[in-house]
């Protein structure tokens, strides 16, 4: 029945914590960490970056302007990508799944974060047959366009895809496109959900 498995990236494949990034910027001289998301939210800057509407160096310039922060590009990139901490799923699971199903990553992300992911978690990415990244396709979950792109890359029908994500609204978005989707809670829970569907690895 299933021909493809669609995985979210953040808090499914790799854990992240935005607070780490905010604290890193605070340490560089920005406003208090708790104030940073409040300043960023009304600007729509992060959303523009994650849909490919702004280039990394322009993002850096606007970001530090909003925070009234003076930090060069390299140090900015390090702080921006300090959110990632550890893998949540073992490489062995992905390797075995990839032998039976088409694996597609579907992620709201940006160019700088994904450079970090490639550098530090490339051993996981190498098992994916395709990557659907918001900044490349110009749409973020739960926009229907990103799910359609994922199904297209999966090379099968929506109902032949199994999808997991940690955010309920994104699961709902996938289901609206006819994809069988389950909210990710833990590796053990995901394994149970896949086994219940006859997905083997």
Protein backbone atom coordinates (compact mmCIF):
# COMPACT_ATOMS: atom_id res chain seq x y z
CA UNK A 1 0.00 0.00 0.00
CA UNK A 2 2.72 2.49 0.94
CA UNK A 3 5.41 3.45 -1.52
CA UNK A 4 6.92 6.53 0.15
CA UNK A 5 7.69 7.81 3.64
CA UNK A 6 7.71 11.60 4.17
CA UNK A 7 9.70 12.86 7.14
CA UNK A 8 9.71 16.30 8.69
CA UNK A 9 13.17 17.51 9.71
CA UNK A 10 13.05 19.56 12.92
CA UNK A 11 12.01 17.67 16.06
CA UNK A 12 11.48 14.51 14.03
CA UNK A 13 14.80 13.77 12.38
CA UNK A 14 16.91 16.26 14.36
CA UNK A 15 16.05 18.05 17.60
CA UNK A 16 16.27 21.82 17.77
CA UNK A 17 15.57 24.55 20.30
CA UNK A 18 15.12 28.16 19.16
CA UNK A 19 15.92 29.37 22.69
CA UNK A 20 19.52 28.28 22.16
CA UNK A 21 19.74 30.62 19.20
CA UNK A 22 18.13 33.52 21.05
CA UNK A 23 20.56 33.02 23.93
CA UNK A 24 23.48 32.97 21.50
CA UNK A 25 22.40 36.33 20.08
CA UNK A 26 21.90 37.75 23.55
CA UNK A 27 25.48 36.72 24.35
CA UNK A 28 26.62 38.64 21.25
CA UNK A 29 25.05 41.82 22.60
CA UNK A 30 21.45 41.64 21.42
CA UNK A 31 18.40 42.38 23.55
CA UNK A 32 17.32 39.74 26.12
CA UNK A 33 16.67 36.34 24.56
CA UNK A 34 12.99 36.37 25.51
CA UNK A 35 12.49 39.64 23.61
CA UNK A 36 13.97 38.46 20.30
CA UNK A 37 10.96 36.50 18.94
CA UNK A 38 8.69 39.41 19.90
CA UNK A 39 10.80 41.77 17.82
CA UNK A 40 11.05 39.40 14.86
CA UNK A 41 7.43 38.23 14.64
CA UNK A 42 5.78 41.35 13.19
CA UNK A 43 8.47 41.80 10.51
CA UNK A 44 7.80 38.53 8.67
CA UNK A 45 11.56 38.33 8.08
CA UNK A 46 11.98 34.67 9.08
CA UNK A 47 9.02 33.62 6.92
CA UNK A 48 10.53 35.43 3.93
CA UNK A 49 13.83 33.65 4.53
CA UNK A 50 12.16 30.25 4.85
CA UNK A 51 10.29 30.71 1.58
CA UNK A 52 13.35 31.85 -0.34
CA UNK A 53 12.27 35.47 -0.55
CA UNK A 54 15.55 36.85 0.77
CA UNK A 55 19.19 35.81 0.39
CA UNK A 56 21.32 34.85 3.43
CA UNK A 57 23.47 37.99 3.52
CA UNK A 58 20.43 40.24 3.14
CA UNK A 59 18.73 38.25 5.91
CA UNK A 60 21.77 38.83 8.12
CA UNK A 61 21.69 42.56 7.46
CA UNK A 62 17.96 42.92 8.20
CA UNK A 63 18.10 40.61 11.23
CA UNK A 64 20.87 42.49 13.00
CA UNK A 65 19.14 45.76 12.14
CA UNK A 66 15.96 44.63 13.87
CA UNK A 67 17.92 43.56 16.95
CA UNK A 68 20.23 46.60 16.82
CA UNK A 69 23.13 44.17 16.89
CA UNK A 70 26.62 44.57 15.43
CA UNK A 71 27.94 41.12 14.49
CA UNK A 72 29.74 39.98 11.37
CA UNK A 73 28.28 37.38 9.03
CA UNK A 74 30.30 34.35 10.15
CA UNK A 75 29.51 34.76 13.84
CA UNK A 76 25.89 35.48 12.95
CA UNK A 77 25.65 32.21 11.01
CA UNK A 78 27.08 30.25 13.94
CA UNK A 79 24.57 31.75 16.38
CA UNK A 80 21.66 31.33 13.94
CA UNK A 81 22.40 27.63 13.49
CA UNK A 82 23.17 26.85 17.14
CA UNK A 83 19.60 25.59 17.60
CA UNK A 84 20.34 22.01 16.48
CA UNK A 85 21.34 19.53 19.16
CA UNK A 86 21.02 15.81 18.31
CA UNK A 87 19.45 13.24 16.00
CA UNK A 88 16.12 11.73 17.10
CA UNK A 89 15.98 8.80 14.70
CA UNK A 90 18.77 6.29 14.12
CA UNK A 91 20.51 6.17 10.77
CA UNK A 92 19.94 2.40 10.64
CA UNK A 93 16.15 2.91 10.51
CA UNK A 94 16.42 5.35 7.61
CA UNK A 95 18.87 3.11 5.77
CA UNK A 96 16.55 0.12 6.02
CA UNK A 97 13.42 2.10 5.10
CA UNK A 98 15.20 3.52 2.05
CA UNK A 99 15.67 0.01 0.68
CA UNK A 100 11.91 -0.57 0.65
CA UNK A 101 10.33 2.86 0.20
CA UNK A 102 11.06 6.20 -1.38
CA UNK A 103 12.16 8.58 1.41
CA UNK A 104 11.34 12.28 1.04
CA UNK A 105 12.25 15.04 3.50
CA UNK A 106 9.65 17.82 3.74
CA UNK A 107 10.83 20.74 5.83
CA UNK A 108 10.20 24.39 6.65
CA UNK A 109 13.79 25.56 6.69
CA UNK A 110 16.19 28.11 5.27
CA UNK A 111 19.49 28.15 3.41
CA UNK A 112 21.68 28.78 6.47
CA UNK A 113 20.06 26.17 8.68
CA UNK A 114 20.25 23.60 5.92
CA UNK A 115 23.96 24.19 5.39
CA UNK A 116 24.39 23.28 9.06
CA UNK A 117 22.18 20.20 8.68
CA UNK A 118 24.18 19.00 5.67
CA UNK A 119 27.45 19.48 7.56
CA UNK A 120 26.39 17.80 10.80
CA UNK A 121 23.66 15.35 9.78
CA UNK A 122 24.63 14.46 6.24
CA UNK A 123 24.83 10.81 7.29
CA UNK A 124 21.05 10.91 7.77
CA UNK A 125 20.27 12.95 4.65
CA UNK A 126 22.15 10.55 2.39
CA UNK A 127 19.36 7.99 2.74
CA UNK A 128 16.70 10.32 1.34
CA UNK A 129 15.78 10.04 -2.30
CA UNK A 130 14.62 13.66 -2.45
CA UNK A 131 14.43 16.81 -0.34
CA UNK A 132 11.49 19.23 -0.38
CA UNK A 133 12.70 22.38 1.36
CA UNK A 134 10.48 25.41 1.87
CA UNK A 135 13.12 27.94 0.81
CA UNK A 136 13.61 26.06 -2.48
CA UNK A 137 9.95 25.45 -3.37
CA UNK A 138 8.76 28.88 -2.17
CA UNK A 139 6.09 27.57 0.20
CA UNK A 140 5.94 26.61 3.88
CA UNK A 141 3.80 24.00 5.56
CA UNK A 142 0.82 23.99 5.82
CA UNK A 143 0.63 25.59 2.34
CA UNK A 144 -0.79 22.90 0.00
CA UNK A 145 1.96 23.59 -2.54
CA UNK A 146 4.70 22.08 -0.42
CA UNK A 147 2.74 18.85 0.10
CA UNK A 148 2.03 18.63 -3.62
CA UNK A 149 5.73 19.04 -4.29
CA UNK A 150 6.48 16.25 -1.81
CA UNK A 151 3.97 13.87 -3.41
CA UNK A 152 5.42 14.70 -6.82
CA UNK A 153 8.92 13.87 -5.58
CA UNK A 154 7.59 10.71 -3.93
CA UNK A 155 6.54 9.54 -7.40
CA UNK A 156 3.31 7.95 -6.20
CA UNK A 157 -0.24 8.86 -5.22
CA UNK A 158 -0.92 10.81 -1.99
CA UNK A 159 -2.61 7.83 -0.37
CA UNK A 160 0.54 5.78 -0.97
CA UNK A 161 2.54 8.17 1.23
CA UNK A 162 3.00 7.98 4.99
CA UNK A 163 4.00 11.29 6.60
CA UNK A 164 5.12 12.23 10.10
CA UNK A 165 5.61 15.71 11.59
CA UNK A 166 5.64 17.07 15.12
CA UNK A 167 3.22 19.95 14.46
CA UNK A 168 -0.53 19.13 14.39
CA UNK A 169 -1.38 21.87 11.87
CA UNK A 170 1.14 20.41 9.43
CA UNK A 171 -0.28 16.93 9.88
CA UNK A 172 -3.73 18.37 9.11
CA UNK A 173 -2.27 20.01 6.00
CA UNK A 174 -0.92 16.70 4.80
CA UNK A 175 -4.19 14.90 5.43
CA UNK A 176 -6.03 17.59 3.46
CA UNK A 177 -3.93 16.54 0.47
CA UNK A 178 -4.88 12.87 0.90
CA UNK A 179 -1.69 11.81 2.66
CA UNK A 180 -1.79 9.38 5.59
CA UNK A 181 -0.19 11.49 8.33
CA UNK A 182 0.58 10.98 12.03
CA UNK A 183 1.96 13.43 14.58
CA UNK A 184 5.45 12.47 15.73
CA UNK A 185 5.87 12.00 19.48
CA UNK A 186 8.86 9.67 19.81
CA UNK A 187 10.84 7.06 17.94
CA UNK A 188 8.96 4.28 19.73
CA UNK A 189 5.56 5.79 18.90
CA UNK A 190 6.56 6.25 15.24
CA UNK A 191 7.70 2.64 15.03
CA UNK A 192 4.33 1.49 16.39
CA UNK A 193 2.44 3.64 13.88
CA UNK A 194 4.49 2.31 10.97
CA UNK A 195 4.20 -1.33 12.04
CA UNK A 196 0.41 -0.91 12.41
CA UNK A 197 0.39 0.07 8.72
CA UNK A 198 2.56 -2.81 7.61
CA UNK A 199 5.54 -0.56 6.96
CA UNK A 200 8.65 -2.70 7.44
CA UNK A 201 12.34 -1.94 7.74
